[in-house]
Amino acid sequence: MARHVAVFRFRSDHAKKIYDALQPELPDEVNPRSTTRCALEGMDTLVLTVDAQDTASLRAALNMYLRLVNVADEVVSLVEKN
């Protein structure tokens, strides 16, 4: 069966904080047809890797994790602004 993999690299001054925010979500995989990994490259690059059995699972996992990355980045920006 074909595997589907997506890798995103986010450069941000908040990469470590976003990474820390995502860590509690990773062990609780919602969909058994996909796995998600998150890593840091240096202190300014967050690497998000999603591996799925099919395109529907890939899309669902990406929707969730890309939204989480976006929300974490927005919250960190708001906190630092205030």
PDB file of N, CA and C in Angstrom:
ATOM      1  N   MET A   1       0.848  -1.182   0.000  1.00  0.00           N
ATOM      2  CA  MET A   1       0.000   0.000   0.000  1.00  0.00           C
ATOM      3  C   MET A   1       0.892   1.244   0.000  1.00  0.00           C
ATOM      4  N   ALA A   2       0.560   2.214  -0.791  1.00  0.00           N
ATOM      5  CA  ALA A   2       1.337   3.454  -0.896  1.00  0.00           C
ATOM      6  C   ALA A   2       1.209   4.265   0.386  1.00  0.00           C
ATOM      7  N   ARG A   3       2.305   4.881   0.765  1.00  0.00           N
ATOM      8  CA  ARG A   3       2.318   5.774   1.917  1.00  0.00           C
ATOM      9  C   ARG A   3       2.300   7.203   1.410  1.00  0.00           C
ATOM     10  N   HIS A   4       1.768   8.086   2.199  1.00  0.00           N
ATOM     11  CA  HIS A   4       1.706   9.504   1.861  1.00  0.00           C
ATOM     12  C   HIS A   4       2.384  10.272   2.992  1.00  0.00           C
ATOM     13  N   VAL A   5       3.358  11.083   2.631  1.00  0.00           N
ATOM     14  CA  VAL A   5       4.129  11.803   3.636  1.00  0.00           C
ATOM     15  C   VAL A   5       4.167  13.287   3.281  1.00  0.00           C
ATOM     16  N   ALA A   6       3.982  14.119   4.285  1.00  0.00           N
ATOM     17  CA  ALA A   6       4.112  15.572   4.120  1.00  0.00           C
ATOM     18  C   ALA A   6       5.067  16.075   5.196  1.00  0.00           C
ATOM     19  N   VAL A   7       6.000  16.920   4.780  1.00  0.00           N
ATOM     20  CA  VAL A   7       6.962  17.504   5.716  1.00  0.00           C
ATOM     21  C   VAL A   7       6.895  19.019   5.581  1.00  0.00           C
ATOM     22  N   PHE A   8       6.691  19.693   6.701  1.00  0.00           N
ATOM     23  CA  PHE A   8       6.640  21.153   6.730  1.00  0.00           C
ATOM     24  C   PHE A   8       7.747  21.652   7.637  1.00  0.00           C
ATOM     25  N   ARG A   9       8.421  22.687   7.205  1.00  0.00           N
ATOM     26  CA  ARG A   9       9.434  23.354   8.030  1.00  0.00           C
ATOM     27  C   ARG A   9       8.968  24.792   8.260  1.00  0.00           C
ATOM     28  N   PHE A  10       8.837  25.157   9.526  1.00  0.00           N
ATOM     29  CA  PHE A  10       8.394  26.499   9.905  1.00  0.00           C
ATOM     30  C   PHE A  10       9.557  27.217  10.568  1.00  0.00           C
ATOM     31  N   ARG A  11       9.994  28.315   9.981  1.00  0.00           N
ATOM     32  CA  ARG A  11      11.031  29.141  10.615  1.00  0.00           C
ATOM     33  C   ARG A  11      10.332  30.207  11.431  1.00  0.00           C
ATOM     34  N   SER A  12      10.690  30.262  12.699  1.00  0.00           N
ATOM     35  CA  SER A  12      10.043  31.204  13.604  1.00  0.00           C
ATOM     36  C   SER A  12      10.921  31.421  14.824  1.00  0.00           C
ATOM     37  N   ASP A  13      10.877  32.630  15.353  1.00  0.00           N
ATOM     38  CA  ASP A  13      11.537  32.901  16.627  1.00  0.00           C
ATOM     39  C   ASP A  13      10.850  32.126  17.748  1.00  0.00           C
ATOM     40  N   HIS A  14       9.624  31.655  17.494  1.00  0.00           N
ATOM     41  CA  HIS A  14       8.839  30.940  18.498  1.00  0.00           C
ATOM     42  C   HIS A  14       8.890  29.424  18.306  1.00  0.00           C
ATOM     43  N   ALA A  15       9.791  28.911  17.495  1.00  0.00           N
ATOM     44  CA  ALA A  15       9.791  27.480  17.148  1.00  0.00           C
ATOM     45  C   ALA A  15       9.803  26.587  18.385  1.00  0.00           C
ATOM     46  N   LYS A  16      10.648  26.893  19.351  1.00  0.00           N
ATOM     47  CA  LYS A  16      10.738  26.057  20.559  1.00  0.00           C
ATOM     48  C   LYS A  16       9.441  26.091  21.350  1.00  0.00           C
ATOM     49  N   LYS A  17       8.819  27.252  21.460  1.00  0.00           N
ATOM     50  CA  LYS A  17       7.560  27.360  22.203  1.00  0.00           C
ATOM     51  C   LYS A  17       6.431  26.622  21.482  1.00  0.00           C
ATOM     52  N   ILE A  18       6.403  26.711  20.166  1.00  0.00           N
ATOM     53  CA  ILE A  18       5.389  25.974  19.394  1.00  0.00           C
ATOM     54  C   ILE A  18       5.617  24.471  19.545  1.00  0.00           C
ATOM     55  N   TYR A  19       6.875  24.067  19.455  1.00  0.00           N
ATOM     56  CA  TYR A  19       7.231  22.649  19.646  1.00  0.00           C
ATOM     57  C   TYR A  19       6.727  22.156  21.007  1.00  0.00           C
ATOM     58  N   ASP A  20       7.009  22.920  22.055  1.00  0.00           N
ATOM     59  CA  ASP A  20       6.569  22.544  23.403  1.00  0.00           C
ATOM     60  C   ASP A  20       5.044  22.463  23.487  1.00  0.00           C
ATOM     61  N   ALA A  21       4.348  23.353  22.804  1.00  0.00           N
ATOM     62  CA  ALA A  21       2.889  23.353  22.825  1.00  0.00           C
ATOM     63  C   ALA A  21       2.310  22.131  22.108  1.00  0.00           C
ATOM     64  N   LEU A  22       2.986  21.649  21.078  1.00  0.00           N
ATOM     65  CA  LEU A  22       2.489  20.499  20.317  1.00  0.00           C
ATOM     66  C   LEU A  22       2.773  19.164  20.989  1.00  0.00           C
ATOM     67  N   GLN A  23       3.797  19.089  21.813  1.00  0.00           N
ATOM     68  CA  GLN A  23       4.220  17.813  22.396  1.00  0.00           C
ATOM     69  C   GLN A  23       3.104  17.041  23.110  1.00  0.00           C
ATOM     70  N   PRO A  24       2.247  17.674  23.907  1.00  0.00           N
ATOM     71  CA  PRO A  24       1.181  16.899  24.568  1.00  0.00           C
ATOM     72  C   PRO A  24       0.190  16.269  23.587  1.00  0.00           C
ATOM     73  N   GLU A  25       0.065  16.808  22.393  1.00  0.00           N
ATOM     74  CA  GLU A  25      -0.888  16.294  21.419  1.00  0.00           C
ATOM     75  C   GLU A  25      -0.378  15.062  20.673  1.00  0.00           C
ATOM     76  N   LEU A  26       0.930  14.936  20.525  1.00  0.00           N
ATOM     77  CA  LEU A  26       1.498  13.897  19.670  1.00  0.00           C
ATOM     78  C   LEU A  26       1.268  12.460  20.148  1.00  0.00           C
ATOM     79  N   PRO A  27       1.364  12.163  21.444  1.00  0.00           N
ATOM     80  CA  PRO A  27       1.138  10.770  21.855  1.00  0.00           C
ATOM     81  C   PRO A  27      -0.305  10.299  21.675  1.00  0.00           C
ATOM     82  N   ASP A  28      -1.249  11.210  21.638  1.00  0.00           N
ATOM     83  CA  ASP A  28      -2.669  10.861  21.525  1.00  0.00           C
ATOM     84  C   ASP A  28      -3.125  10.892  20.079  1.00  0.00           C
ATOM     85  N   GLU A  29      -2.541  10.048  19.244  1.00  0.00           N
ATOM     86  CA  GLU A  29      -2.935  10.017  17.837  1.00  0.00           C
ATOM     87  C   GLU A  29      -4.415   9.680  17.740  1.00  0.00           C
ATOM     88  N   VAL A  30      -5.151  10.537  17.080  1.00  0.00           N
ATOM     89  CA  VAL A  30      -6.592  10.360  16.928  1.00  0.00           C
ATOM     90  C   VAL A  30      -6.899   9.331  15.843  1.00  0.00           C
ATOM     91  N   ASN A  31      -6.121   9.344  14.790  1.00  0.00           N
ATOM     92  CA  ASN A  31      -6.367   8.472  13.650  1.00  0.00           C
ATOM     93  C   ASN A  31      -5.274   7.410  13.572  1.00  0.00           C
ATOM     94  N   PRO A  32      -5.634   6.128  13.688  1.00  0.00           N
ATOM     95  CA  PRO A  32      -4.606   5.081  13.636  1.00  0.00           C
ATOM     96  C   PRO A  32      -3.971   4.917  12.249  1.00  0.00           C
ATOM     97  N   ARG A  33      -4.515   5.592  11.243  1.00  0.00           N
ATOM     98  CA  ARG A  33      -3.968   5.476   9.881  1.00  0.00           C
ATOM     99  C   ARG A  33      -2.898   6.521   9.592  1.00  0.00           C
ATOM    100  N   SER A  34      -2.559   7.349  10.591  1.00  0.00           N
ATOM    101  CA  SER A  34      -1.511   8.353  10.371  1.00  0.00           C
ATOM    102  C   SER A  34      -0.662   8.506  11.623  1.00  0.00           C
ATOM    103  N   THR A  35       0.570   8.938  11.417  1.00  0.00           N
ATOM    104  CA  THR A  35       1.458   9.260  12.533  1.00  0.00           C
ATOM    105  C   THR A  35       2.042  10.643  12.276  1.00  0.00           C
ATOM    106  N   THR A  36       2.248  11.368  13.348  1.00  0.00           N
ATOM    107  CA  THR A  36       2.769  12.730  13.242  1.00  0.00           C
ATOM    108  C   THR A  36       3.980  12.852  14.154  1.00  0.00           C
ATOM    109  N   ARG A  37       5.031  13.458  13.615  1.00  0.00           N
ATOM    110  CA  ARG A  37       6.240  13.710  14.386  1.00  0.00           C
ATOM    111  C   ARG A  37       6.557  15.194  14.315  1.00  0.00           C
ATOM    112  N   CYS A  38       7.150  15.673  15.374  1.00  0.00           N
ATOM    113  CA  CYS A  38       7.527  17.076  15.451  1.00  0.00           C
ATOM    114  C   CYS A  38       8.942  17.135  16.000  1.00  0.00           C
ATOM    115  N   ALA A  39       9.775  17.968  15.391  1.00  0.00           N
ATOM    116  CA  ALA A  39      11.159  18.084  15.825  1.00  0.00           C
ATOM    117  C   ALA A  39      11.625  19.523  15.630  1.00  0.00           C
ATOM    118  N   LEU A  40      12.740  19.828  16.263  1.00  0.00           N
ATOM    119  CA  LEU A  40      13.374  21.132  16.088  1.00  0.00           C
ATOM    120  C   LEU A  40      14.659  20.963  15.293  1.00  0.00           C
ATOM    121  N   GLU A  41      14.885  21.876  14.376  1.00  0.00           N
ATOM    122  CA  GLU A  41      16.172  21.985  13.692  1.00  0.00           C
ATOM    123  C   GLU A  41      16.758  23.307  14.163  1.00  0.00           C
ATOM    124  N   GLY A  42      17.717  23.230  15.047  1.00  0.00           N
ATOM    125  CA  GLY A  42      18.213  24.450  15.653  1.00  0.00           C
ATOM    126  C   GLY A  42      17.134  24.982  16.592  1.00  0.00           C
ATOM    127  N   MET A  43      17.208  26.259  16.873  1.00  0.00           N
ATOM    128  CA  MET A  43      16.210  26.860  17.763  1.00  0.00           C
ATOM    129  C   MET A  43      15.166  27.669  17.010  1.00  0.00           C
ATOM    130  N   ASP A  44      15.288  27.732  15.671  1.00  0.00           N
ATOM    131  CA  ASP A  44      14.349  28.574  14.932  1.00  0.00           C
ATOM    132  C   ASP A  44      13.563  27.843  13.846  1.00  0.00           C
ATOM    133  N   THR A  45      13.672  26.508  13.786  1.00  0.00           N
ATOM    134  CA  THR A  45      12.939  25.769  12.754  1.00  0.00           C
ATOM    135  C   THR A  45      12.207  24.587  13.366  1.00  0.00           C
ATOM    136  N   LEU A  46      10.906  24.586  13.184  1.00  0.00           N
ATOM    137  CA  LEU A  46      10.050  23.489  13.621  1.00  0.00           C
ATOM    138  C   LEU A  46       9.780  22.604  12.408  1.00  0.00           C
ATOM    139  N   VAL A  47       9.973  21.302  12.556  1.00  0.00           N
ATOM    140  CA  VAL A  47       9.729  20.361  11.463  1.00  0.00           C
ATOM    141  C   VAL A  47       8.547  19.481  11.850  1.00  0.00           C
ATOM    142  N   LEU A  48       7.506  19.515  11.041  1.00  0.00           N
ATOM    143  CA  LEU A  48       6.303  18.718  11.251  1.00  0.00           C
ATOM    144  C   LEU A  48       6.230  17.689  10.137  1.00  0.00           C
ATOM    145  N   THR A  49       6.192  16.406  10.499  1.00  0.00           N
ATOM    146  CA  THR A  49       6.136  15.320   9.522  1.00  0.00           C
ATOM    147  C   THR A  49       4.889  14.487   9.770  1.00  0.00           C
ATOM    148  N   VAL A  50       4.079  14.326   8.743  1.00  0.00           N
ATOM    149  CA  VAL A  50       2.873  13.510   8.836  1.00  0.00           C
ATOM    150  C   VAL A  50       2.994  12.385   7.818  1.00  0.00           C
ATOM    151  N   ASP A  51       2.799  11.163   8.290  1.00  0.00           N
ATOM    152  CA  ASP A  51       2.870   9.964   7.464  1.00  0.00           C
ATOM    153  C   ASP A  51       1.504   9.279   7.562  1.00  0.00           C
ATOM    154  N   ALA A  52       0.888   9.001   6.424  1.00  0.00           N
ATOM    155  CA  ALA A  52      -0.456   8.433   6.445  1.00  0.00           C
ATOM    156  C   ALA A  52      -0.605   7.305   5.427  1.00  0.00           C
ATOM    157  N   GLN A  53      -1.582   6.458   5.678  1.00  0.00           N
ATOM    158  CA  GLN A  53      -1.858   5.336   4.791  1.00  0.00           C
ATOM    159  C   GLN A  53      -2.602   5.763   3.533  1.00  0.00           C
ATOM    160  N   ASP A  54      -3.349   6.852   3.622  1.00  0.00           N
ATOM    161  CA  ASP A  54      -4.146   7.297   2.481  1.00  0.00           C
ATOM    162  C   ASP A  54      -4.279   8.817   2.505  1.00  0.00           C
ATOM    163  N   THR A  55      -4.735   9.375   1.417  1.00  0.00           N
ATOM    164  CA  THR A  55      -4.810  10.837   1.312  1.00  0.00           C
ATOM    165  C   THR A  55      -5.831  11.441   2.268  1.00  0.00           C
ATOM    166  N   ALA A  56      -6.909  10.731   2.539  1.00  0.00           N
ATOM    167  CA  ALA A  56      -7.909  11.263   3.472  1.00  0.00           C
ATOM    168  C   ALA A  56      -7.318  11.392   4.875  1.00  0.00           C
ATOM    169  N   SER A  57      -6.557  10.400   5.297  1.00  0.00           N
ATOM    170  CA  SER A  57      -5.913  10.456   6.613  1.00  0.00           C
ATOM    171  C   SER A  57      -4.860  11.547   6.655  1.00  0.00           C
ATOM    172  N   LEU A  58      -4.120  11.699   5.574  1.00  0.00           N
ATOM    173  CA  LEU A  58      -3.113  12.756   5.496  1.00  0.00           C
ATOM    174  C   LEU A  58      -3.770  14.128   5.619  1.00  0.00           C
ATOM    175  N   ARG A  59      -4.838  14.338   4.893  1.00  0.00           N
ATOM    176  CA  ARG A  59      -5.547  15.614   4.931  1.00  0.00           C
ATOM    177  C   ARG A  59      -6.074  15.907   6.332  1.00  0.00           C
ATOM    178  N   ALA A  60      -6.671  14.912   6.965  1.00  0.00           N
ATOM    179  CA  ALA A  60      -7.232  15.117   8.304  1.00  0.00           C
ATOM    180  C   ALA A  60      -6.143  15.477   9.316  1.00  0.00           C
ATOM    181  N   ALA A  61      -5.033  14.763   9.273  1.00  0.00           N
ATOM    182  CA  ALA A  61      -3.942  15.048  10.210  1.00  0.00           C
ATOM    183  C   ALA A  61      -3.340  16.419   9.935  1.00  0.00           C
ATOM    184  N   LEU A  62      -3.147  16.746   8.669  1.00  0.00           N
ATOM    185  CA  LEU A  62      -2.591  18.063   8.332  1.00  0.00           C
ATOM    186  C   LEU A  62      -3.516  19.179   8.771  1.00  0.00           C
ATOM    187  N   ASN A  63      -4.811  19.019   8.559  1.00  0.00           N
ATOM    188  CA  ASN A  63      -5.761  20.048   9.002  1.00  0.00           C
ATOM    189  C   ASN A  63      -5.601  20.316  10.497  1.00  0.00           C
ATOM    190  N   MET A  64      -5.511  19.248  11.270  1.00  0.00           N
ATOM    191  CA  MET A  64      -5.417  19.412  12.715  1.00  0.00           C
ATOM    192  C   MET A  64      -4.090  20.039  13.127  1.00  0.00           C
ATOM    193  N   TYR A  65      -2.985  19.479  12.669  1.00  0.00           N
ATOM    194  CA  TYR A  65      -1.680  19.948  13.138  1.00  0.00           C
ATOM    195  C   TYR A  65      -1.297  21.314  12.576  1.00  0.00           C
ATOM    196  N   LEU A  66      -1.660  21.607  11.347  1.00  0.00           N
ATOM    197  CA  LEU A  66      -1.368  22.945  10.812  1.00  0.00           C
ATOM    198  C   LEU A  66      -2.169  23.996  11.567  1.00  0.00           C
ATOM    199  N   ARG A  67      -3.387  23.655  11.940  1.00  0.00           N
ATOM    200  CA  ARG A  67      -4.194  24.581  12.745  1.00  0.00           C
ATOM    201  C   ARG A  67      -3.561  24.774  14.122  1.00  0.00           C
ATOM    202  N   LEU A  68      -3.086  23.688  14.742  1.00  0.00           N
ATOM    203  CA  LEU A  68      -2.442  23.800  16.052  1.00  0.00           C
ATOM    204  C   LEU A  68      -1.174  24.650  15.988  1.00  0.00           C
ATOM    205  N   VAL A  69      -0.379  24.473  14.944  1.00  0.00           N
ATOM    206  CA  VAL A  69       0.828  25.287  14.784  1.00  0.00           C
ATOM    207  C   VAL A  69       0.456  26.758  14.661  1.00  0.00           C
ATOM    208  N   ASN A  70      -0.549  27.043  13.852  1.00  0.00           N
ATOM    209  CA  ASN A  70      -0.987  28.421  13.648  1.00  0.00           C
ATOM    210  C   ASN A  70      -1.500  29.048  14.950  1.00  0.00           C
ATOM    211  N   VAL A  71      -2.316  28.320  15.680  1.00  0.00           N
ATOM    212  CA  VAL A  71      -2.864  28.845  16.937  1.00  0.00           C
ATOM    213  C   VAL A  71      -1.750  29.066  17.957  1.00  0.00           C
ATOM    214  N   ALA A  72      -0.831  28.117  18.073  1.00  0.00           N
ATOM    215  CA  ALA A  72       0.276  28.273  19.022  1.00  0.00           C
ATOM    216  C   ALA A  72       1.118  29.490  18.680  1.00  0.00           C
ATOM    217  N   ASP A  73       1.390  29.696  17.401  1.00  0.00           N
ATOM    218  CA  ASP A  73       2.178  30.859  16.982  1.00  0.00           C
ATOM    219  C   ASP A  73       1.447  32.164  17.297  1.00  0.00           C
ATOM    220  N   GLU A  74       0.146  32.201  17.038  1.00  0.00           N
ATOM    221  CA  GLU A  74      -0.636  33.407  17.327  1.00  0.00           C
ATOM    222  C   GLU A  74      -0.673  33.707  18.821  1.00  0.00           C
ATOM    223  N   VAL A  75      -0.835  32.672  19.634  1.00  0.00           N
ATOM    224  CA  VAL A  75      -0.896  32.878  21.083  1.00  0.00           C
ATOM    225  C   VAL A  75       0.447  33.385  21.610  1.00  0.00           C
ATOM    226  N   VAL A  76       1.536  32.784  21.156  1.00  0.00           N
ATOM    227  CA  VAL A  76       2.864  33.235  21.599  1.00  0.00           C
ATOM    228  C   VAL A  76       3.071  34.693  21.195  1.00  0.00           C
ATOM    229  N   SER A  77       2.682  35.040  19.979  1.00  0.00           N
ATOM    230  CA  SER A  77       2.822  36.426  19.515  1.00  0.00           C
ATOM    231  C   SER A  77       2.009  37.384  20.386  1.00  0.00           C
ATOM    232  N   LEU A  78       0.783  37.003  20.724  1.00  0.00           N
ATOM    233  CA  LEU A  78      -0.061  37.847  21.581  1.00  0.00           C
ATOM    234  C   LEU A  78       0.537  38.008  22.971  1.00  0.00           C
ATOM    235  N   VAL A  79       1.031  36.929  23.531  1.00  0.00           N
ATOM    236  CA  VAL A  79       1.618  36.993  24.875  1.00  0.00           C
ATOM    237  C   VAL A  79       2.849  37.879  24.875  1.00  0.00           C
ATOM    238  N   GLU A  80       3.699  37.720  23.871  1.00  0.00           N
ATOM    239  CA  GLU A  80       4.904  38.538  23.816  1.00  0.00           C
ATOM    240  C   GLU A  80       4.604  40.005  23.538  1.00  0.00           C
ATOM    241  N   LYS A  81       3.530  40.266  22.818  1.00  0.00           N
ATOM    242  CA  LYS A  81       3.137  41.643  22.514  1.00  0.00           C
ATOM    243  C   LYS A  81       2.692  42.367  23.772  1.00  0.00           C
ATOM    244  N   ASN A  82       2.010  41.637  24.655  1.00  0.00           N
ATOM    245  CA  ASN A  82       1.503  42.248  25.902  1.00  0.00           C
ATOM    246  C   ASN A  82       2.549  42.084  26.946  1.00  0.00           C
TER     247      ASN A  82
END
